[in-house]
Amino acid sequence: MVDVLDVLIEENIRVGDSGLLVDVFHPGKIDTLGQALLFLPCESWCTKNQADMKDRYGVKMAERGVIRIAGEHRVMTEAS
């Protein structure tokens, strides 16, 4: 049995000078250090479409107590 927790979502947090952004999904109440996952979905390397990732992974993992950091990345056409 998994307890479902409130979820907080922090969106569009800038990463240094890169211009890239991350979204952080975490349980609404954090008392101690816990597990975290940096999530870079490989199926979107060409399209950068992560629209369905928020509900499929971000919220569901945070409900189970895992902090999820969803990183934006450059796609193939942007890389040099």
C-alpha atoms as a PDB file:
ATOM      1  CA  MET A   1       0.000   0.000   0.000  1.00  0.00           C
ATOM      2  CA  VAL A   2       1.344   3.422  -0.973  1.00  0.00           C
ATOM      3  CA  ASP A   3       0.257   6.596   0.786  1.00  0.00           C
ATOM      4  CA  VAL A   4      -0.795   9.341  -1.622  1.00  0.00           C
ATOM      5  CA  LEU A   5       0.634  12.729  -0.680  1.00  0.00           C
ATOM      6  CA  ASP A   6      -0.029  16.298  -1.753  1.00  0.00           C
ATOM      7  CA  VAL A   7       2.214  17.299  -4.650  1.00  0.00           C
ATOM      8  CA  LEU A   8       3.969  20.624  -5.240  1.00  0.00           C
ATOM      9  CA  ILE A   9       5.207  21.493  -8.724  1.00  0.00           C
ATOM     10  CA  GLU A  10       7.859  24.144  -9.339  1.00  0.00           C
ATOM     11  CA  GLU A  11       8.050  24.877 -13.060  1.00  0.00           C
ATOM     12  CA  ASN A  12      10.573  26.577 -15.330  1.00  0.00           C
ATOM     13  CA  ILE A  13      13.486  26.829 -12.899  1.00  0.00           C
ATOM     14  CA  ARG A  14      16.523  28.140 -14.804  1.00  0.00           C
ATOM     15  CA  VAL A  15      19.676  25.993 -14.747  1.00  0.00           C
ATOM     16  CA  GLY A  16      22.731  28.253 -14.529  1.00  0.00           C
ATOM     17  CA  ASP A  17      23.600  30.196 -17.680  1.00  0.00           C
ATOM     18  CA  SER A  18      22.528  27.403 -20.041  1.00  0.00           C
ATOM     19  CA  GLY A  19      19.079  28.821 -20.733  1.00  0.00           C
ATOM     20  CA  LEU A  20      17.652  25.364 -20.007  1.00  0.00           C
ATOM     21  CA  LEU A  21      14.807  24.894 -17.542  1.00  0.00           C
ATOM     22  CA  VAL A  22      13.736  22.154 -15.133  1.00  0.00           C
ATOM     23  CA  ASP A  23      10.467  21.307 -13.425  1.00  0.00           C
ATOM     24  CA  VAL A  24      10.593  19.881  -9.902  1.00  0.00           C
ATOM     25  CA  PHE A  25       7.791  17.662  -8.593  1.00  0.00           C
ATOM     26  CA  HIS A  26       7.907  16.881  -4.889  1.00  0.00           C
ATOM     27  CA  PRO A  27       5.714  15.766  -2.025  1.00  0.00           C
ATOM     28  CA  GLY A  28       3.855  18.630  -0.373  1.00  0.00           C
ATOM     29  CA  LYS A  29       5.487  17.898   2.965  1.00  0.00           C
ATOM     30  CA  ILE A  30       9.157  16.960   3.191  1.00  0.00           C
ATOM     31  CA  ASP A  31      10.521  16.236   6.675  1.00  0.00           C
ATOM     32  CA  THR A  32      13.789  14.525   5.790  1.00  0.00           C
ATOM     33  CA  LEU A  33      16.094  13.982   2.851  1.00  0.00           C
ATOM     34  CA  GLY A  34      14.700  11.400   0.492  1.00  0.00           C
ATOM     35  CA  GLN A  35      15.001   9.907  -2.949  1.00  0.00           C
ATOM     36  CA  ALA A  36      15.256  12.082  -6.040  1.00  0.00           C
ATOM     37  CA  LEU A  37      15.341  11.257  -9.733  1.00  0.00           C
ATOM     38  CA  LEU A  38      16.671  13.369 -12.613  1.00  0.00           C
ATOM     39  CA  PHE A  39      14.422  12.453 -15.523  1.00  0.00           C
ATOM     40  CA  LEU A  40      15.556  12.974 -19.135  1.00  0.00           C
ATOM     41  CA  PRO A  41      13.164  11.053 -21.395  1.00  0.00           C
ATOM     42  CA  CYS A  42      15.006   9.638 -24.389  1.00  0.00           C
ATOM     43  CA  GLU A  43      11.978   9.383 -26.676  1.00  0.00           C
ATOM     44  CA  SER A  44      11.846  13.159 -27.042  1.00  0.00           C
ATOM     45  CA  TRP A  45      15.404  13.815 -28.273  1.00  0.00           C
ATOM     46  CA  CYS A  46      14.064  14.771 -31.704  1.00  0.00           C
ATOM     47  CA  THR A  47      10.802  16.497 -30.817  1.00  0.00           C
ATOM     48  CA  LYS A  48      11.290  17.896 -27.287  1.00  0.00           C
ATOM     49  CA  ASN A  49       7.633  17.046 -26.596  1.00  0.00           C
ATOM     50  CA  GLN A  50       7.257  16.189 -22.916  1.00  0.00           C
ATOM     51  CA  ALA A  51       3.613  17.187 -22.543  1.00  0.00           C
ATOM     52  CA  ASP A  52       2.342  13.882 -21.152  1.00  0.00           C
ATOM     53  CA  MET A  53       5.324  13.329 -18.833  1.00  0.00           C
ATOM     54  CA  LYS A  54       3.923  15.620 -16.140  1.00  0.00           C
ATOM     55  CA  ASP A  55       0.990  13.383 -15.207  1.00  0.00           C
ATOM     56  CA  ARG A  56       2.491  10.047 -16.240  1.00  0.00           C
ATOM     57  CA  TYR A  57       5.642  10.399 -14.161  1.00  0.00           C
ATOM     58  CA  GLY A  58       6.038  13.684 -12.274  1.00  0.00           C
ATOM     59  CA  VAL A  59       2.868  13.724 -10.219  1.00  0.00           C
ATOM     60  CA  LYS A  60       2.695   9.953  -9.712  1.00  0.00           C
ATOM     61  CA  MET A  61       6.257   9.750  -8.388  1.00  0.00           C
ATOM     62  CA  ALA A  62       5.818  12.746  -6.081  1.00  0.00           C
ATOM     63  CA  GLU A  63       2.625  11.182  -4.704  1.00  0.00           C
ATOM     64  CA  ARG A  64       4.800   8.251  -3.656  1.00  0.00           C
ATOM     65  CA  GLY A  65       7.396  10.426  -1.939  1.00  0.00           C
ATOM     66  CA  VAL A  66      10.029  10.669  -4.701  1.00  0.00           C
ATOM     67  CA  ILE A  67      11.317  14.082  -5.795  1.00  0.00           C
ATOM     68  CA  ARG A  68      11.403  14.198  -9.602  1.00  0.00           C
ATOM     69  CA  ILE A  69      13.436  16.738 -11.543  1.00  0.00           C
ATOM     70  CA  ALA A  70      12.389  16.874 -15.187  1.00  0.00           C
ATOM     71  CA  GLY A  71      15.188  18.411 -17.197  1.00  0.00           C
ATOM     72  CA  GLU A  72      14.824  20.274 -20.440  1.00  0.00           C
ATOM     73  CA  HIS A  73      17.455  19.364 -22.993  1.00  0.00           C
ATOM     74  CA  ARG A  74      18.655  20.430 -26.382  1.00  0.00           C
ATOM     75  CA  VAL A  75      17.351  18.403 -29.307  1.00  0.00           C
ATOM     76  CA  MET A  76      19.558  17.058 -32.104  1.00  0.00           C
ATOM     77  CA  THR A  77      19.032  20.101 -34.330  1.00  0.00           C
ATOM     78  CA  GLU A  78      20.160  22.457 -31.511  1.00  0.00           C
ATOM     79  CA  ALA A  79      23.329  20.558 -30.573  1.00  0.00           C
ATOM     80  CA  SER A  80      26.598  21.513 -32.186  1.00  0.00           C
END
